[in-house]
Amino acid sequence: MPRRERRPRRSLPELIRGLKSVTTRAYNRLVPESEKNRLWQGSYYDVVIRSEAHYYAVWDYISGNPARWAEDEYYCEST
């Protein structure tokens, strides 16, 4: 049986670009034009987590995001 060719690994920016593209197309297909809002920020911040303490600090930041959503500049009451 012939071996399957492996696709080259994608970089993190390529994966993020693909995720944004797929979700934006679905959003545009499903949401009426009059109700559309900005879906993604233009860029993102990535960082290499190098210690357990840093991991837990990032975990706490991410898990606290929902509580901070009302303070965000993109927040609106209807969301």
PDB file of N, CA and C in Angstrom:
ATOM      1  N   MET A   1       0.847  -1.176   0.000  1.00  0.00           N
ATOM      2  CA  MET A   1       0.000   0.000   0.000  1.00  0.00           C
ATOM      3  C   MET A   1       0.895   1.243   0.000  1.00  0.00           C
ATOM      4  N   PRO A   2       0.653   2.173  -0.927  1.00  0.00           N
ATOM      5  CA  PRO A   2       1.484   3.382  -0.978  1.00  0.00           C
ATOM      6  C   PRO A   2       1.251   4.266   0.243  1.00  0.00           C
ATOM      7  N   ARG A   3       2.311   4.941   0.644  1.00  0.00           N
ATOM      8  CA  ARG A   3       2.210   5.863   1.785  1.00  0.00           C
ATOM      9  C   ARG A   3       1.521   7.143   1.349  1.00  0.00           C
ATOM     10  N   ARG A   4       0.682   7.636   2.229  1.00  0.00           N
ATOM     11  CA  ARG A   4       0.020   8.919   1.952  1.00  0.00           C
ATOM     12  C   ARG A   4       1.024  10.041   2.118  1.00  0.00           C
ATOM     13  N   GLU A   5       0.936  10.999   1.227  1.00  0.00           N
ATOM     14  CA  GLU A   5       1.792  12.170   1.366  1.00  0.00           C
ATOM     15  C   GLU A   5       1.273  13.042   2.486  1.00  0.00           C
ATOM     16  N   ARG A   6       2.186  13.488   3.300  1.00  0.00           N
ATOM     17  CA  ARG A   6       1.801  14.369   4.410  1.00  0.00           C
ATOM     18  C   ARG A   6       1.832  15.811   3.945  1.00  0.00           C
ATOM     19  N   ARG A   7       0.808  16.536   4.355  1.00  0.00           N
ATOM     20  CA  ARG A   7       0.797  17.968   4.058  1.00  0.00           C
ATOM     21  C   ARG A   7       1.817  18.662   4.946  1.00  0.00           C
ATOM     22  N   PRO A   8       2.448  19.700   4.439  1.00  0.00           N
ATOM     23  CA  PRO A   8       3.393  20.427   5.295  1.00  0.00           C
ATOM     24  C   PRO A   8       2.656  21.078   6.466  1.00  0.00           C
ATOM     25  N   ARG A   9       3.334  21.150   7.585  1.00  0.00           N
ATOM     26  CA  ARG A   9       2.732  21.793   8.757  1.00  0.00           C
ATOM     27  C   ARG A   9       2.524  23.269   8.484  1.00  0.00           C
ATOM     28  N   ARG A  10       1.433  23.774   9.003  1.00  0.00           N
ATOM     29  CA  ARG A  10       1.134  25.196   8.842  1.00  0.00           C
ATOM     30  C   ARG A  10       1.658  25.969  10.041  1.00  0.00           C
ATOM     31  N   SER A  11       2.016  27.198   9.781  1.00  0.00           N
ATOM     32  CA  SER A  11       2.467  28.074  10.860  1.00  0.00           C
ATOM     33  C   SER A  11       1.247  28.599  11.615  1.00  0.00           C
ATOM     34  N   LEU A  12       1.472  29.134  12.794  1.00  0.00           N
ATOM     35  CA  LEU A  12       0.378  29.705  13.576  1.00  0.00           C
ATOM     36  C   LEU A  12      -0.341  30.817  12.810  1.00  0.00           C
ATOM     37  N   PRO A  13       0.374  31.757  12.172  1.00  0.00           N
ATOM     38  CA  PRO A  13      -0.347  32.782  11.401  1.00  0.00           C
ATOM     39  C   PRO A  13      -1.218  32.189  10.292  1.00  0.00           C
ATOM     40  N   GLU A  14      -0.750  31.130   9.642  1.00  0.00           N
ATOM     41  CA  GLU A  14      -1.559  30.489   8.598  1.00  0.00           C
ATOM     42  C   GLU A  14      -2.815  29.856   9.185  1.00  0.00           C
ATOM     43  N   LEU A  15      -2.684  29.215  10.345  1.00  0.00           N
ATOM     44  CA  LEU A  15      -3.848  28.609  11.000  1.00  0.00           C
ATOM     45  C   LEU A  15      -4.862  29.669  11.416  1.00  0.00           C
ATOM     46  N   ILE A  16      -4.391  30.756  11.989  1.00  0.00           N
ATOM     47  CA  ILE A  16      -5.288  31.838  12.415  1.00  0.00           C
ATOM     48  C   ILE A  16      -5.983  32.450  11.205  1.00  0.00           C
ATOM     49  N   ARG A  17      -5.223  32.697  10.131  1.00  0.00           N
ATOM     50  CA  ARG A  17      -5.806  33.252   8.907  1.00  0.00           C
ATOM     51  C   ARG A  17      -6.900  32.327   8.367  1.00  0.00           C
ATOM     52  N   GLY A  18      -6.649  31.014   8.375  1.00  0.00           N
ATOM     53  CA  GLY A  18      -7.651  30.053   7.915  1.00  0.00           C
ATOM     54  C   GLY A  18      -8.889  30.049   8.792  1.00  0.00           C
ATOM     55  N   LEU A  19      -8.698  30.079  10.112  1.00  0.00           N
ATOM     56  CA  LEU A  19      -9.824  30.113  11.043  1.00  0.00           C
ATOM     57  C   LEU A  19     -10.675  31.361  10.816  1.00  0.00           C
ATOM     58  N   LYS A  20     -10.014  32.516  10.695  1.00  0.00           N
ATOM     59  CA  LYS A  20     -10.747  33.763  10.464  1.00  0.00           C
ATOM     60  C   LYS A  20     -11.503  33.724   9.140  1.00  0.00           C
ATOM     61  N   SER A  21     -10.888  33.154   8.127  1.00  0.00           N
ATOM     62  CA  SER A  21     -11.516  33.085   6.809  1.00  0.00           C
ATOM     63  C   SER A  21     -12.763  32.206   6.826  1.00  0.00           C
ATOM     64  N   VAL A  22     -12.646  31.019   7.406  1.00  0.00           N
ATOM     65  CA  VAL A  22     -13.779  30.085   7.454  1.00  0.00           C
ATOM     66  C   VAL A  22     -14.934  30.667   8.262  1.00  0.00           C
ATOM     67  N   THR A  23     -14.637  31.220   9.431  1.00  0.00           N
ATOM     68  CA  THR A  23     -15.709  31.749  10.274  1.00  0.00           C
ATOM     69  C   THR A  23     -16.331  33.009   9.679  1.00  0.00           C
ATOM     70  N   THR A  24     -15.529  33.841   9.017  1.00  0.00           N
ATOM     71  CA  THR A  24     -16.073  35.048   8.391  1.00  0.00           C
ATOM     72  C   THR A  24     -17.010  34.694   7.244  1.00  0.00           C
ATOM     73  N   ARG A  25     -16.627  33.710   6.436  1.00  0.00           N
ATOM     74  CA  ARG A  25     -17.510  33.293   5.336  1.00  0.00           C
ATOM     75  C   ARG A  25     -18.831  32.759   5.871  1.00  0.00           C
ATOM     76  N   ALA A  26     -18.783  31.941   6.925  1.00  0.00           N
ATOM     77  CA  ALA A  26     -20.022  31.415   7.516  1.00  0.00           C
ATOM     78  C   ALA A  26     -20.865  32.552   8.087  1.00  0.00           C
ATOM     79  N   TYR A  27     -20.232  33.473   8.783  1.00  0.00           N
ATOM     80  CA  TYR A  27     -20.919  34.631   9.360  1.00  0.00           C
ATOM     81  C   TYR A  27     -21.606  35.443   8.267  1.00  0.00           C
ATOM     82  N   ASN A  28     -20.872  35.728   7.190  1.00  0.00           N
ATOM     83  CA  ASN A  28     -21.438  36.520   6.092  1.00  0.00           C
ATOM     84  C   ASN A  28     -22.603  35.807   5.413  1.00  0.00           C
ATOM     85  N   ARG A  29     -22.548  34.491   5.362  1.00  0.00           N
ATOM     86  CA  ARG A  29     -23.616  33.716   4.749  1.00  0.00           C
ATOM     87  C   ARG A  29     -24.866  33.670   5.633  1.00  0.00           C
ATOM     88  N   LEU A  30     -24.686  33.681   6.952  1.00  0.00           N
ATOM     89  CA  LEU A  30     -25.797  33.455   7.875  1.00  0.00           C
ATOM     90  C   LEU A  30     -26.420  34.719   8.467  1.00  0.00           C
ATOM     91  N   VAL A  31     -25.668  35.798   8.543  1.00  0.00           N
ATOM     92  CA  VAL A  31     -26.151  37.007   9.218  1.00  0.00           C
ATOM     93  C   VAL A  31     -26.628  38.022   8.181  1.00  0.00           C
ATOM     94  N   PRO A  32     -27.844  38.548   8.350  1.00  0.00           N
ATOM     95  CA  PRO A  32     -28.339  39.570   7.416  1.00  0.00           C
ATOM     96  C   PRO A  32     -27.422  40.796   7.409  1.00  0.00           C
ATOM     97  N   GLU A  33     -27.290  41.415   6.246  1.00  0.00           N
ATOM     98  CA  GLU A  33     -26.391  42.568   6.074  1.00  0.00           C
ATOM     99  C   GLU A  33     -26.669  43.667   7.097  1.00  0.00           C
ATOM    100  N   SER A  34     -27.928  43.909   7.401  1.00  0.00           N
ATOM    101  CA  SER A  34     -28.293  44.991   8.328  1.00  0.00           C
ATOM    102  C   SER A  34     -27.887  44.700   9.773  1.00  0.00           C
ATOM    103  N   GLU A  35     -27.560  43.449  10.086  1.00  0.00           N
ATOM    104  CA  GLU A  35     -27.217  43.073  11.462  1.00  0.00           C
ATOM    105  C   GLU A  35     -25.741  42.755  11.653  1.00  0.00           C
ATOM    106  N   LYS A  36     -24.947  42.918  10.618  1.00  0.00           N
ATOM    107  CA  LYS A  36     -23.538  42.535  10.707  1.00  0.00           C
ATOM    108  C   LYS A  36     -22.735  43.532  11.523  1.00  0.00           C
ATOM    109  N   ASN A  37     -21.813  42.991  12.283  1.00  0.00           N
ATOM    110  CA  ASN A  37     -20.855  43.766  13.060  1.00  0.00           C
ATOM    111  C   ASN A  37     -19.463  43.265  12.722  1.00  0.00           C
ATOM    112  N   ARG A  38     -18.486  43.964  13.203  1.00  0.00           N
ATOM    113  CA  ARG A  38     -17.102  43.530  13.004  1.00  0.00           C
ATOM    114  C   ARG A  38     -16.900  42.209  13.733  1.00  0.00           C
ATOM    115  N   LEU A  39     -16.341  41.242  13.043  1.00  0.00           N
ATOM    116  CA  LEU A  39     -16.194  39.908  13.613  1.00  0.00           C
ATOM    117  C   LEU A  39     -14.825  39.686  14.244  1.00  0.00           C
ATOM    118  N   TRP A  40     -13.781  40.185  13.616  1.00  0.00           N
ATOM    119  CA  TRP A  40     -12.420  39.944  14.088  1.00  0.00           C
ATOM    120  C   TRP A  40     -11.647  41.245  14.219  1.00  0.00           C
ATOM    121  N   GLN A  41     -10.720  41.271  15.151  1.00  0.00           N
ATOM    122  CA  GLN A  41      -9.745  42.352  15.205  1.00  0.00           C
ATOM    123  C   GLN A  41      -8.734  42.115  14.087  1.00  0.00           C
ATOM    124  N   GLY A  42      -8.020  43.150  13.711  1.00  0.00           N
ATOM    125  CA  GLY A  42      -7.087  43.035  12.603  1.00  0.00           C
ATOM    126  C   GLY A  42      -5.890  42.141  12.877  1.00  0.00           C
ATOM    127  N   SER A  43      -5.478  42.031  14.103  1.00  0.00           N
ATOM    128  CA  SER A  43      -4.301  41.225  14.420  1.00  0.00           C
ATOM    129  C   SER A  43      -4.547  40.480  15.725  1.00  0.00           C
ATOM    130  N   TYR A  44      -3.552  39.754  16.155  1.00  0.00           N
ATOM    131  CA  TYR A  44      -3.658  39.024  17.411  1.00  0.00           C
ATOM    132  C   TYR A  44      -2.295  39.041  18.089  1.00  0.00           C
ATOM    133  N   TYR A  45      -2.284  38.690  19.344  1.00  0.00           N
ATOM    134  CA  TYR A  45      -1.059  38.690  20.126  1.00  0.00           C
ATOM    135  C   TYR A  45      -0.769  37.259  20.529  1.00  0.00           C
ATOM    136  N   ASP A  46       0.376  36.745  20.112  1.00  0.00           N
ATOM    137  CA  ASP A  46       0.740  35.402  20.542  1.00  0.00           C
ATOM    138  C   ASP A  46       2.031  35.476  21.347  1.00  0.00           C
ATOM    139  N   VAL A  47       2.184  34.531  22.226  1.00  0.00           N
ATOM    140  CA  VAL A  47       3.355  34.507  23.092  1.00  0.00           C
ATOM    141  C   VAL A  47       3.670  33.050  23.428  1.00  0.00           C
ATOM    142  N   VAL A  48       4.936  32.749  23.589  1.00  0.00           N
ATOM    143  CA  VAL A  48       5.350  31.409  23.993  1.00  0.00           C
ATOM    144  C   VAL A  48       5.273  31.338  25.512  1.00  0.00           C
ATOM    145  N   ILE A  49       4.547  30.353  26.017  1.00  0.00           N
ATOM    146  CA  ILE A  49       4.432  30.161  27.466  1.00  0.00           C
ATOM    147  C   ILE A  49       5.608  29.299  27.907  1.00  0.00           C
ATOM    148  N   ARG A  50       6.413  29.851  28.787  1.00  0.00           N
ATOM    149  CA  ARG A  50       7.673  29.195  29.138  1.00  0.00           C
ATOM    150  C   ARG A  50       7.743  28.661  30.565  1.00  0.00           C
ATOM    151  N   SER A  51       6.702  28.864  31.338  1.00  0.00           N
ATOM    152  CA  SER A  51       6.743  28.345  32.705  1.00  0.00           C
ATOM    153  C   SER A  51       5.331  28.021  33.171  1.00  0.00           C
ATOM    154  N   GLU A  52       5.242  27.247  34.212  1.00  0.00           N
ATOM    155  CA  GLU A  52       3.937  26.907  34.777  1.00  0.00           C
ATOM    156  C   GLU A  52       3.248  28.151  35.336  1.00  0.00           C
ATOM    157  N   ALA A  53       4.022  29.037  35.958  1.00  0.00           N
ATOM    158  CA  ALA A  53       3.439  30.266  36.512  1.00  0.00           C
ATOM    159  C   ALA A  53       2.855  31.134  35.394  1.00  0.00           C
ATOM    160  N   HIS A  54       3.570  31.242  34.292  1.00  0.00           N
ATOM    161  CA  HIS A  54       3.073  32.019  33.158  1.00  0.00           C
ATOM    162  C   HIS A  54       1.815  31.368  32.583  1.00  0.00           C
ATOM    163  N   TYR A  55       1.815  30.046  32.492  1.00  0.00           N
ATOM    164  CA  TYR A  55       0.643  29.316  32.003  1.00  0.00           C
ATOM    165  C   TYR A  55      -0.592  29.675  32.834  1.00  0.00           C
ATOM    166  N   TYR A  56      -0.463  29.638  34.155  1.00  0.00           N
ATOM    167  CA  TYR A  56      -1.616  29.934  35.015  1.00  0.00           C
ATOM    168  C   TYR A  56      -2.025  31.408  34.939  1.00  0.00           C
ATOM    169  N   ALA A  57      -1.075  32.295  34.740  1.00  0.00           N
ATOM    170  CA  ALA A  57      -1.421  33.715  34.569  1.00  0.00           C
ATOM    171  C   ALA A  57      -2.237  33.913  33.290  1.00  0.00           C
ATOM    172  N   VAL A  58      -1.830  33.251  32.207  1.00  0.00           N
ATOM    173  CA  VAL A  58      -2.574  33.337  30.944  1.00  0.00           C
ATOM    174  C   VAL A  58      -3.942  32.689  31.107  1.00  0.00           C
ATOM    175  N   TRP A  59      -3.979  31.543  31.780  1.00  0.00           N
ATOM    176  CA  TRP A  59      -5.255  30.846  32.027  1.00  0.00           C
ATOM    177  C   TRP A  59      -6.228  31.762  32.777  1.00  0.00           C
ATOM    178  N   ASP A  60      -5.752  32.416  33.824  1.00  0.00           N
ATOM    179  CA  ASP A  60      -6.605  33.320  34.604  1.00  0.00           C
ATOM    180  C   ASP A  60      -7.094  34.490  33.753  1.00  0.00           C
ATOM    181  N   TYR A  61      -6.214  35.031  32.915  1.00  0.00           N
ATOM    182  CA  TYR A  61      -6.598  36.141  32.043  1.00  0.00           C
ATOM    183  C   TYR A  61      -7.707  35.708  31.086  1.00  0.00           C
ATOM    184  N   ILE A  62      -7.529  34.568  30.436  1.00  0.00           N
ATOM    185  CA  ILE A  62      -8.520  34.083  29.471  1.00  0.00           C
ATOM    186  C   ILE A  62      -9.834  33.743  30.164  1.00  0.00           C
ATOM    187  N   SER A  63      -9.778  33.070  31.290  1.00  0.00           N
ATOM    188  CA  SER A  63     -11.018  32.693  31.980  1.00  0.00           C
ATOM    189  C   SER A  63     -11.755  33.916  32.524  1.00  0.00           C
ATOM    190  N   GLY A  64     -11.044  35.022  32.746  1.00  0.00           N
ATOM    191  CA  GLY A  64     -11.687  36.247  33.219  1.00  0.00           C
ATOM    192  C   GLY A  64     -12.251  37.120  32.114  1.00  0.00           C
ATOM    193  N   ASN A  65     -11.964  36.785  30.852  1.00  0.00           N
ATOM    194  CA  ASN A  65     -12.440  37.609  29.735  1.00  0.00           C
ATOM    195  C   ASN A  65     -13.950  37.801  29.720  1.00  0.00           C
ATOM    196  N   PRO A  66     -14.775  36.779  29.916  1.00  0.00           N
ATOM    197  CA  PRO A  66     -16.226  37.010  29.889  1.00  0.00           C
ATOM    198  C   PRO A  66     -16.683  38.059  30.906  1.00  0.00           C
ATOM    199  N   ALA A  67     -16.071  38.087  32.070  1.00  0.00           N
ATOM    200  CA  ALA A  67     -16.458  39.063  33.092  1.00  0.00           C
ATOM    201  C   ALA A  67     -16.075  40.486  32.682  1.00  0.00           C
ATOM    202  N   ARG A  68     -15.044  40.620  31.841  1.00  0.00           N
ATOM    203  CA  ARG A  68     -14.584  41.945  31.397  1.00  0.00           C
ATOM    204  C   ARG A  68     -15.244  42.397  30.101  1.00  0.00           C
ATOM    205  N   TRP A  69     -16.071  41.560  29.487  1.00  0.00           N
ATOM    206  CA  TRP A  69     -16.649  41.863  28.180  1.00  0.00           C
ATOM    207  C   TRP A  69     -17.451  43.163  28.194  1.00  0.00           C
ATOM    208  N   ALA A  70     -18.203  43.431  29.242  1.00  0.00           N
ATOM    209  CA  ALA A  70     -19.026  44.647  29.300  1.00  0.00           C
ATOM    210  C   ALA A  70     -18.174  45.919  29.288  1.00  0.00           C
ATOM    211  N   GLU A  71     -16.901  45.817  29.616  1.00  0.00           N
ATOM    212  CA  GLU A  71     -16.007  46.973  29.630  1.00  0.00           C
ATOM    213  C   GLU A  71     -15.306  47.180  28.285  1.00  0.00           C
ATOM    214  N   ASP A  72     -15.480  46.265  27.343  1.00  0.00           N
ATOM    215  CA  ASP A  72     -14.774  46.308  26.067  1.00  0.00           C
ATOM    216  C   ASP A  72     -15.353  47.373  25.142  1.00  0.00           C
ATOM    217  N   GLU A  73     -14.496  47.973  24.315  1.00  0.00           N
ATOM    218  CA  GLU A  73     -14.959  49.018  23.394  1.00  0.00           C
ATOM    219  C   GLU A  73     -15.936  48.484  22.351  1.00  0.00           C
ATOM    220  N   TYR A  74     -15.918  47.183  22.072  1.00  0.00           N
ATOM    221  CA  TYR A  74     -16.819  46.600  21.076  1.00  0.00           C
ATOM    222  C   TYR A  74     -18.101  46.041  21.686  1.00  0.00           C
ATOM    223  N   TYR A  75     -18.233  46.141  22.992  1.00  0.00           N
ATOM    224  CA  TYR A  75     -19.424  45.619  23.663  1.00  0.00           C
ATOM    225  C   TYR A  75     -20.646  46.473  23.335  1.00  0.00           C
ATOM    226  N   CYS A  76     -21.769  45.817  23.131  1.00  0.00           N
ATOM    227  CA  CYS A  76     -23.042  46.534  23.046  1.00  0.00           C
ATOM    228  C   CYS A  76     -24.089  45.673  23.754  1.00  0.00           C
ATOM    229  N   GLU A  77     -25.083  46.301  24.300  1.00  0.00           N
ATOM    230  CA  GLU A  77     -26.086  45.628  25.128  1.00  0.00           C
ATOM    231  C   GLU A  77     -26.754  44.447  24.434  1.00  0.00           C
ATOM    232  N   SER A  78     -26.916  44.506  23.115  1.00  0.00           N
ATOM    233  CA  SER A  78     -27.666  43.463  22.410  1.00  0.00           C
ATOM    234  C   SER A  78     -26.884  42.173  22.225  1.00  0.00           C
ATOM    235  N   THR A  79     -25.580  42.151  22.553  1.00  0.00           N
ATOM    236  CA  THR A  79     -24.794  40.934  22.340  1.00  0.00           C
ATOM    237  C   THR A  79     -24.799  40.047  23.543  1.00  0.00           C
TER     238      THR A  79
END
